[in-house]
Amino acid sequence: MALKIIPDSDPILHTQCEVFNPRSTDFPLKETIAEMFTLMRENNGIGLAAPQVGINKRFFIMEINGVKSVCINPKILSKNNVSVSDAEGCLSYPGTRVEVARPTEIRVKYMTPTGMSKTKTLRHLNARCFQHELDHLDGVVITDLGEPVSVSIQHNGPAVE
């Protein structure tokens, strides 16, 4: 399939993605998810949403502390009243960081690739990542949420802040 992270100028990043049935056979979901995890790791990310690789479907992946998640048709059911501001990066905007305030605890619902419904409470980095990736599915990117607080210079080695 050879997925790649699309450029930040691509209009799909500002488009609301379509709800879909993970059990449908018209889309190679299993192969796409595997390739997305590889691409995300190669780019040192912790989350990657379908529109970031040019797919207009409501799903994203996360991997935090070795725990992998695939969230299909995700929703936030509730949020706590405690928000923390932190600099977020995004694979679609390499080297850019934007200060974003987000609730520290959320209750979420989503489907797994087999179509099973899950409800969970997420906290801290897991909650932040889920909210960031869900924003992508709604056509919202970090630069819509604030001005960049830092931009790294990219070269052949690690990013220089």
N, C-alpha and C. Protein backbone atom coordinates (compact mmCIF):
# COMPACT_ATOMS: atom_id res chain seq x y z
N MET A 1 0.82 -1.20 0.00
CA MET A 1 0.00 0.00 0.00
C MET A 1 0.86 1.26 0.00
N ALA A 2 1.98 1.26 0.70
CA ALA A 2 2.94 2.37 0.72
C ALA A 2 2.31 3.69 1.17
N LEU A 3 1.81 3.71 2.39
CA LEU A 3 1.25 4.93 2.96
C LEU A 3 2.37 5.93 3.25
N LYS A 4 2.02 7.20 3.20
CA LYS A 4 2.96 8.25 3.60
C LYS A 4 2.16 9.36 4.26
N ILE A 5 2.83 10.12 5.09
CA ILE A 5 2.18 11.25 5.74
C ILE A 5 2.03 12.34 4.69
N ILE A 6 0.80 12.79 4.53
CA ILE A 6 0.52 13.78 3.48
C ILE A 6 0.98 15.17 3.94
N PRO A 7 1.24 16.06 3.00
CA PRO A 7 1.71 17.41 3.37
C PRO A 7 0.61 18.21 4.08
N ASP A 8 1.04 19.14 4.92
CA ASP A 8 0.10 19.94 5.69
C ASP A 8 -0.82 20.80 4.83
N SER A 9 -0.51 20.96 3.56
CA SER A 9 -1.35 21.75 2.66
C SER A 9 -2.52 20.94 2.09
N ASP A 10 -2.56 19.63 2.31
CA ASP A 10 -3.61 18.79 1.74
C ASP A 10 -4.96 19.10 2.40
N PRO A 11 -6.00 19.35 1.60
CA PRO A 11 -7.31 19.71 2.17
C PRO A 11 -7.96 18.62 3.02
N ILE A 12 -7.57 17.36 2.87
CA ILE A 12 -8.17 16.30 3.70
C ILE A 12 -7.91 16.53 5.18
N LEU A 13 -6.83 17.23 5.51
CA LEU A 13 -6.54 17.52 6.92
C LEU A 13 -7.56 18.48 7.53
N HIS A 14 -8.34 19.13 6.68
CA HIS A 14 -9.36 20.08 7.16
C HIS A 14 -10.76 19.60 6.80
N THR A 15 -10.92 18.29 6.66
CA THR A 15 -12.19 17.69 6.28
C THR A 15 -12.67 16.76 7.37
N GLN A 16 -13.98 16.80 7.65
CA GLN A 16 -14.56 15.86 8.62
C GLN A 16 -14.60 14.48 7.96
N CYS A 17 -14.04 13.50 8.65
CA CYS A 17 -13.95 12.14 8.09
C CYS A 17 -15.27 11.38 8.25
N GLU A 18 -15.42 10.37 7.41
CA GLU A 18 -16.65 9.59 7.35
C GLU A 18 -16.64 8.43 8.34
N VAL A 19 -17.79 8.23 8.99
CA VAL A 19 -18.01 7.06 9.83
C VAL A 19 -18.02 5.84 8.91
N PHE A 20 -17.51 4.72 9.38
CA PHE A 20 -17.51 3.52 8.55
C PHE A 20 -17.66 2.27 9.40
N ASN A 21 -17.97 1.17 8.75
CA ASN A 21 -18.13 -0.11 9.42
C ASN A 21 -16.80 -0.86 9.34
N PRO A 22 -16.16 -1.13 10.47
CA PRO A 22 -14.86 -1.81 10.42
C PRO A 22 -14.94 -3.23 9.89
N ARG A 23 -16.14 -3.81 9.89
CA ARG A 23 -16.30 -5.18 9.37
C ARG A 23 -16.50 -5.22 7.87
N SER A 24 -16.65 -4.07 7.25
CA SER A 24 -16.85 -4.01 5.80
C SER A 24 -15.63 -4.57 5.08
N THR A 25 -15.85 -5.23 3.99
CA THR A 25 -14.74 -5.82 3.23
C THR A 25 -14.27 -4.92 2.09
N ASP A 26 -14.83 -3.72 1.98
CA ASP A 26 -14.44 -2.83 0.87
C ASP A 26 -13.21 -1.98 1.17
N PHE A 27 -12.59 -2.17 2.34
CA PHE A 27 -11.42 -1.39 2.73
C PHE A 27 -10.45 -2.32 3.48
N PRO A 28 -9.17 -2.33 3.10
CA PRO A 28 -8.19 -3.22 3.75
C PRO A 28 -7.74 -2.69 5.12
N LEU A 29 -8.63 -2.72 6.10
CA LEU A 29 -8.39 -2.11 7.40
C LEU A 29 -7.19 -2.72 8.12
N LYS A 30 -7.11 -4.03 8.19
CA LYS A 30 -6.03 -4.69 8.92
C LYS A 30 -4.66 -4.30 8.36
N GLU A 31 -4.51 -4.33 7.05
CA GLU A 31 -3.24 -3.98 6.40
C GLU A 31 -2.92 -2.50 6.59
N THR A 32 -3.95 -1.67 6.50
CA THR A 32 -3.75 -0.23 6.66
C THR A 32 -3.28 0.10 8.08
N ILE A 33 -3.90 -0.53 9.07
CA ILE A 33 -3.51 -0.30 10.47
C ILE A 33 -2.06 -0.72 10.69
N ALA A 34 -1.68 -1.88 10.19
CA ALA A 34 -0.30 -2.36 10.36
C ALA A 34 0.68 -1.38 9.74
N GLU A 35 0.37 -0.90 8.55
CA GLU A 35 1.27 0.05 7.88
C GLU A 35 1.30 1.39 8.61
N MET A 36 0.17 1.81 9.16
CA MET A 36 0.14 3.06 9.92
C MET A 36 1.01 2.97 11.16
N PHE A 37 0.97 1.83 11.88
CA PHE A 37 1.83 1.68 13.06
C PHE A 37 3.31 1.77 12.67
N THR A 38 3.68 1.15 11.56
CA THR A 38 5.07 1.21 11.09
C THR A 38 5.46 2.64 10.77
N LEU A 39 4.61 3.34 10.03
CA LEU A 39 4.88 4.73 9.64
C LEU A 39 4.97 5.63 10.86
N MET A 40 4.07 5.44 11.81
CA MET A 40 4.07 6.26 13.02
C MET A 40 5.37 6.07 13.80
N ARG A 41 5.78 4.81 13.97
CA ARG A 41 7.03 4.53 14.70
C ARG A 41 8.24 5.10 13.98
N GLU A 42 8.29 4.95 12.65
CA GLU A 42 9.41 5.49 11.87
C GLU A 42 9.55 7.00 12.05
N ASN A 43 8.44 7.67 12.34
CA ASN A 43 8.44 9.12 12.51
C ASN A 43 8.39 9.55 13.97
N ASN A 44 8.64 8.59 14.88
CA ASN A 44 8.69 8.86 16.32
C ASN A 44 7.41 9.48 16.86
N GLY A 45 6.26 9.02 16.35
CA GLY A 45 4.98 9.52 16.82
C GLY A 45 4.37 8.59 17.85
N ILE A 46 3.31 9.08 18.51
CA ILE A 46 2.54 8.26 19.44
C ILE A 46 1.10 8.10 18.96
N GLY A 47 0.74 8.79 17.90
CA GLY A 47 -0.60 8.69 17.35
C GLY A 47 -0.58 9.06 15.88
N LEU A 48 -1.52 8.50 15.13
CA LEU A 48 -1.64 8.81 13.70
C LEU A 48 -3.08 8.57 13.28
N ALA A 49 -3.67 9.58 12.67
CA ALA A 49 -5.06 9.50 12.22
C ALA A 49 -5.13 9.22 10.73
N ALA A 50 -6.20 8.54 10.32
CA ALA A 50 -6.37 8.16 8.91
C ALA A 50 -6.21 9.33 7.94
N PRO A 51 -6.77 10.52 8.21
CA PRO A 51 -6.60 11.60 7.23
C PRO A 51 -5.13 12.03 7.05
N GLN A 52 -4.29 11.77 8.04
CA GLN A 52 -2.88 12.13 7.90
C GLN A 52 -2.16 11.28 6.86
N VAL A 53 -2.78 10.18 6.48
CA VAL A 53 -2.22 9.35 5.40
C VAL A 53 -3.16 9.34 4.20
N GLY A 54 -4.05 10.34 4.14
CA GLY A 54 -4.92 10.52 2.98
C GLY A 54 -6.17 9.68 2.94
N ILE A 55 -6.59 9.13 4.08
CA ILE A 55 -7.77 8.27 4.13
C ILE A 55 -8.89 9.00 4.86
N ASN A 56 -10.03 9.16 4.20
CA ASN A 56 -11.16 9.89 4.77
C ASN A 56 -12.10 8.95 5.53
N LYS A 57 -11.57 8.34 6.59
CA LYS A 57 -12.36 7.45 7.44
C LYS A 57 -12.06 7.79 8.90
N ARG A 58 -13.06 7.60 9.76
CA ARG A 58 -12.94 7.98 11.17
C ARG A 58 -12.24 6.91 11.99
N PHE A 59 -10.91 6.89 11.90
CA PHE A 59 -10.15 6.02 12.80
C PHE A 59 -8.75 6.57 12.98
N PHE A 60 -8.16 6.18 14.10
CA PHE A 60 -6.77 6.54 14.37
C PHE A 60 -6.14 5.45 15.20
N ILE A 61 -4.81 5.52 15.28
CA ILE A 61 -4.04 4.58 16.10
C ILE A 61 -3.26 5.39 17.13
N MET A 62 -2.94 4.71 18.24
CA MET A 62 -2.09 5.30 19.29
C MET A 62 -1.20 4.19 19.83
N GLU A 63 -0.01 4.58 20.26
CA GLU A 63 0.85 3.65 20.99
C GLU A 63 1.60 4.45 22.05
N ILE A 64 1.23 4.21 23.30
CA ILE A 64 1.83 4.94 24.41
C ILE A 64 2.32 3.92 25.43
N ASN A 65 3.60 4.01 25.76
CA ASN A 65 4.23 3.06 26.71
C ASN A 65 4.01 1.61 26.30
N GLY A 66 4.11 1.35 25.00
CA GLY A 66 3.99 -0.01 24.49
C GLY A 66 2.57 -0.52 24.35
N VAL A 67 1.57 0.27 24.72
CA VAL A 67 0.16 -0.14 24.61
C VAL A 67 -0.42 0.44 23.32
N LYS A 68 -0.79 -0.47 22.41
CA LYS A 68 -1.34 -0.08 21.12
C LYS A 68 -2.86 0.00 21.20
N SER A 69 -3.42 1.01 20.53
CA SER A 69 -4.87 1.17 20.45
C SER A 69 -5.24 1.52 19.02
N VAL A 70 -6.35 0.97 18.58
CA VAL A 70 -6.96 1.34 17.30
C VAL A 70 -8.37 1.80 17.65
N CYS A 71 -8.69 3.04 17.32
CA CYS A 71 -9.97 3.63 17.70
C CYS A 71 -10.75 3.99 16.44
N ILE A 72 -11.87 3.30 16.24
CA ILE A 72 -12.70 3.49 15.06
C ILE A 72 -14.00 4.18 15.48
N ASN A 73 -14.39 5.20 14.72
CA ASN A 73 -15.59 6.00 15.00
C ASN A 73 -15.61 6.46 16.46
N PRO A 74 -14.50 7.05 16.93
CA PRO A 74 -14.38 7.42 18.35
C PRO A 74 -15.24 8.63 18.72
N LYS A 75 -15.61 8.66 20.00
CA LYS A 75 -16.37 9.78 20.57
C LYS A 75 -15.87 10.05 21.97
N ILE A 76 -15.95 11.30 22.38
CA ILE A 76 -15.71 11.65 23.78
C ILE A 76 -17.08 11.76 24.44
N LEU A 77 -17.29 10.97 25.49
CA LEU A 77 -18.56 10.97 26.19
C LEU A 77 -18.61 12.04 27.27
N SER A 78 -17.46 12.27 27.93
CA SER A 78 -17.40 13.30 28.97
C SER A 78 -15.95 13.71 29.19
N LYS A 79 -15.79 14.90 29.77
CA LYS A 79 -14.47 15.46 30.07
C LYS A 79 -14.50 15.97 31.50
N ASN A 80 -13.34 15.91 32.18
CA ASN A 80 -13.28 16.52 33.50
C ASN A 80 -13.11 18.03 33.35
N ASN A 81 -13.14 18.74 34.47
CA ASN A 81 -13.05 20.21 34.44
C ASN A 81 -11.62 20.71 34.63
N VAL A 82 -10.65 19.80 34.63
CA VAL A 82 -9.25 20.19 34.83
C VAL A 82 -8.53 20.13 33.49
N SER A 83 -8.13 21.29 33.00
CA SER A 83 -7.37 21.33 31.75
C SER A 83 -5.93 21.71 32.04
N VAL A 84 -5.02 21.14 31.25
CA VAL A 84 -3.60 21.46 31.35
C VAL A 84 -3.13 21.86 29.97
N SER A 85 -2.34 22.89 29.92
CA SER A 85 -1.77 23.35 28.66
C SER A 85 -0.40 22.72 28.48
N ASP A 86 -0.13 22.24 27.26
CA ASP A 86 1.17 21.63 26.96
C ASP A 86 1.45 21.82 25.48
N ALA A 87 2.73 21.80 25.14
CA ALA A 87 3.14 21.93 23.74
C ALA A 87 2.94 20.60 23.03
N GLU A 88 2.13 20.60 21.98
CA GLU A 88 1.87 19.40 21.20
C GLU A 88 2.58 19.49 19.86
N GLY A 89 3.07 18.35 19.41
CA GLY A 89 3.62 18.23 18.07
C GLY A 89 2.66 17.43 17.22
N CYS A 90 2.96 17.35 15.93
CA CYS A 90 2.09 16.63 15.01
C CYS A 90 2.92 16.14 13.83
N LEU A 91 2.71 14.89 13.45
CA LEU A 91 3.47 14.34 12.32
C LEU A 91 3.15 15.06 11.01
N SER A 92 1.99 15.70 10.94
CA SER A 92 1.63 16.46 9.73
C SER A 92 2.31 17.83 9.69
N TYR A 93 2.84 18.26 10.82
CA TYR A 93 3.52 19.56 10.93
C TYR A 93 4.87 19.34 11.59
N PRO A 94 5.79 18.66 10.90
CA PRO A 94 7.07 18.29 11.52
C PRO A 94 7.82 19.49 12.08
N GLY A 95 8.28 19.32 13.31
CA GLY A 95 9.09 20.35 13.94
C GLY A 95 8.29 21.46 14.59
N THR A 96 6.97 21.49 14.41
CA THR A 96 6.13 22.55 14.96
C THR A 96 5.52 22.09 16.27
N ARG A 97 5.51 22.99 17.25
CA ARG A 97 4.87 22.74 18.53
C ARG A 97 3.88 23.87 18.79
N VAL A 98 2.68 23.50 19.27
CA VAL A 98 1.64 24.47 19.58
C VAL A 98 1.16 24.19 21.00
N GLU A 99 1.06 25.23 21.81
CA GLU A 99 0.55 25.12 23.17
C GLU A 99 -0.97 24.92 23.10
N VAL A 100 -1.44 23.77 23.64
CA VAL A 100 -2.86 23.43 23.59
C VAL A 100 -3.33 23.03 24.98
N ALA A 101 -4.43 23.63 25.44
CA ALA A 101 -5.04 23.25 26.71
C ALA A 101 -6.07 22.15 26.45
N ARG A 102 -5.96 21.05 27.21
CA ARG A 102 -6.90 19.94 27.05
C ARG A 102 -7.26 19.38 28.42
N PRO A 103 -8.48 18.83 28.54
CA PRO A 103 -8.85 18.15 29.78
C PRO A 103 -7.90 17.00 30.08
N THR A 104 -7.62 16.77 31.35
CA THR A 104 -6.67 15.73 31.75
C THR A 104 -7.31 14.35 31.86
N GLU A 105 -8.65 14.31 31.85
CA GLU A 105 -9.34 13.02 31.93
C GLU A 105 -10.59 13.07 31.06
N ILE A 106 -10.76 12.03 30.24
CA ILE A 106 -11.93 11.94 29.37
C ILE A 106 -12.49 10.52 29.41
N ARG A 107 -13.77 10.42 29.18
CA ARG A 107 -14.44 9.12 29.03
C ARG A 107 -14.75 8.99 27.55
N VAL A 108 -14.31 7.89 26.94
CA VAL A 108 -14.42 7.75 25.49
C VAL A 108 -15.12 6.45 25.10
N LYS A 109 -15.61 6.44 23.87
CA LYS A 109 -16.22 5.25 23.30
C LYS A 109 -15.71 5.13 21.86
N TYR A 110 -15.39 3.91 21.46
CA TYR A 110 -14.94 3.67 20.10
C TYR A 110 -15.14 2.20 19.76
N MET A 111 -14.91 1.86 18.51
CA MET A 111 -15.00 0.47 18.07
C MET A 111 -13.59 -0.05 17.79
N THR A 112 -13.43 -1.34 17.98
CA THR A 112 -12.17 -2.00 17.63
C THR A 112 -12.24 -2.44 16.17
N PRO A 113 -11.13 -2.90 15.60
CA PRO A 113 -11.16 -3.37 14.20
C PRO A 113 -12.12 -4.55 13.98
N THR A 114 -12.47 -5.28 15.03
CA THR A 114 -13.42 -6.40 14.87
C THR A 114 -14.87 -5.94 15.05
N GLY A 115 -15.05 -4.64 15.34
CA GLY A 115 -16.40 -4.10 15.49
C GLY A 115 -16.92 -4.10 16.92
N MET A 116 -16.09 -4.51 17.87
CA MET A 116 -16.49 -4.51 19.27
C MET A 116 -16.48 -3.08 19.81
N SER A 117 -17.48 -2.72 20.60
CA SER A 117 -17.56 -1.40 21.20
C SER A 117 -16.79 -1.39 22.52
N LYS A 118 -16.02 -0.34 22.75
CA LYS A 118 -15.25 -0.19 23.99
C LYS A 118 -15.54 1.19 24.58
N THR A 119 -15.61 1.22 25.89
CA THR A 119 -15.73 2.48 26.63
C THR A 119 -14.61 2.49 27.66
N LYS A 120 -13.87 3.59 27.72
CA LYS A 120 -12.72 3.69 28.63
C LYS A 120 -12.61 5.09 29.21
N THR A 121 -11.93 5.17 30.34
CA THR A 121 -11.51 6.46 30.89
C THR A 121 -10.03 6.60 30.60
N LEU A 122 -9.66 7.71 29.97
CA LEU A 122 -8.26 7.98 29.64
C LEU A 122 -7.79 9.19 30.42
N ARG A 123 -6.52 9.13 30.84
CA ARG A 123 -5.95 10.22 31.63
C ARG A 123 -4.63 10.69 31.02
N HIS A 124 -4.31 11.93 31.29
CA HIS A 124 -3.02 12.54 30.99
C HIS A 124 -2.61 12.36 29.52
N LEU A 125 -1.45 11.73 29.25
CA LEU A 125 -0.96 11.63 27.87
C LEU A 125 -1.92 10.84 26.98
N ASN A 126 -2.52 9.78 27.52
CA ASN A 126 -3.48 9.01 26.73
C ASN A 126 -4.68 9.88 26.35
N ALA A 127 -5.17 10.67 27.29
CA ALA A 127 -6.30 11.57 27.01
C ALA A 127 -5.90 12.64 26.00
N ARG A 128 -4.72 13.22 26.16
CA ARG A 128 -4.25 14.25 25.24
C ARG A 128 -4.11 13.70 23.82
N CYS A 129 -3.49 12.55 23.69
CA CYS A 129 -3.29 11.95 22.38
C CYS A 129 -4.63 11.62 21.71
N PHE A 130 -5.55 11.02 22.47
CA PHE A 130 -6.87 10.69 21.93
C PHE A 130 -7.56 11.95 21.39
N GLN A 131 -7.53 13.04 22.19
CA GLN A 131 -8.17 14.29 21.77
C GLN A 131 -7.50 14.88 20.53
N HIS A 132 -6.18 14.82 20.48
CA HIS A 132 -5.43 15.32 19.32
C HIS A 132 -5.83 14.55 18.05
N GLU A 133 -5.84 13.22 18.14
CA GLU A 133 -6.17 12.41 16.97
C GLU A 133 -7.64 12.56 16.58
N LEU A 134 -8.52 12.68 17.57
CA LEU A 134 -9.94 12.91 17.27
C LEU A 134 -10.12 14.24 16.55
N ASP A 135 -9.36 15.25 16.95
CA ASP A 135 -9.40 16.54 16.23
C ASP A 135 -9.13 16.32 14.74
N HIS A 136 -8.13 15.49 14.41
CA HIS A 136 -7.84 15.22 13.00
C HIS A 136 -9.06 14.68 12.27
N LEU A 137 -9.82 13.81 12.92
CA LEU A 137 -11.00 13.22 12.27
C LEU A 137 -12.10 14.24 12.04
N ASP A 138 -12.03 15.35 12.80
CA ASP A 138 -13.00 16.44 12.65
C ASP A 138 -12.46 17.58 11.79
N GLY A 139 -11.29 17.37 11.18
CA GLY A 139 -10.71 18.40 10.31
C GLY A 139 -10.00 19.51 11.05
N VAL A 140 -9.64 19.28 12.31
CA VAL A 140 -8.96 20.29 13.13
C VAL A 140 -7.50 19.86 13.31
N VAL A 141 -6.59 20.79 13.08
CA VAL A 141 -5.16 20.53 13.25
C VAL A 141 -4.60 21.48 14.32
N ILE A 142 -3.41 21.17 14.83
CA ILE A 142 -2.88 21.97 15.96
C ILE A 142 -2.73 23.45 15.63
N THR A 143 -2.44 23.77 14.38
CA THR A 143 -2.29 25.19 14.04
C THR A 143 -3.63 25.93 14.04
N ASP A 144 -4.75 25.18 14.07
CA ASP A 144 -6.07 25.80 14.25
C ASP A 144 -6.31 26.17 15.71
N LEU A 145 -5.55 25.56 16.61
CA LEU A 145 -5.77 25.72 18.05
C LEU A 145 -4.87 26.76 18.70
N GLY A 146 -3.89 27.26 17.96
CA GLY A 146 -2.99 28.26 18.51
C GLY A 146 -1.81 28.51 17.61
N GLU A 147 -1.02 29.48 18.01
CA GLU A 147 0.18 29.83 17.26
C GLU A 147 1.32 28.91 17.67
N PRO A 148 2.16 28.53 16.71
CA PRO A 148 3.33 27.71 17.07
C PRO A 148 4.19 28.40 18.13
N VAL A 149 4.63 27.61 19.13
CA VAL A 149 5.51 28.14 20.16
C VAL A 149 6.96 27.84 19.85
N SER A 150 7.21 26.87 18.96
CA SER A 150 8.58 26.59 18.53
C SER A 150 8.52 25.81 17.22
N VAL A 151 9.54 26.00 16.44
CA VAL A 151 9.69 25.26 15.19
C VAL A 151 11.12 24.75 15.15
N SER A 152 11.26 23.46 14.91
CA SER A 152 12.59 22.85 14.82
C SER A 152 13.13 22.95 13.41
N ILE A 153 14.42 22.95 13.31
CA ILE A 153 15.09 22.87 12.01
C ILE A 153 15.33 21.40 11.72
N GLN A 154 14.80 20.91 10.61
CA GLN A 154 14.97 19.51 10.26
C GLN A 154 16.24 19.32 9.44
N HIS A 155 16.98 18.28 9.74
CA HIS A 155 18.16 17.92 8.96
C HIS A 155 18.26 16.40 9.00
N ASN A 156 19.38 15.86 8.61
CA ASN A 156 19.51 14.41 8.52
C ASN A 156 19.54 13.71 9.87
N GLY A 157 19.76 14.42 10.93
CA GLY A 157 19.78 13.84 12.27
C GLY A 157 18.52 14.19 13.00
N PRO A 158 18.56 14.15 14.33
CA PRO A 158 17.38 14.51 15.12
C PRO A 158 17.04 16.00 14.95
N ALA A 159 15.81 16.34 15.28
CA ALA A 159 15.38 17.73 15.18
C ALA A 159 16.17 18.60 16.15
N VAL A 160 16.47 19.82 15.73
CA VAL A 160 17.18 20.78 16.56
C VAL A 160 16.19 21.85 16.97
N GLU A 161 15.98 22.02 18.28
CA GLU A 161 15.01 23.02 18.75
C GLU A 161 15.70 24.34 18.95
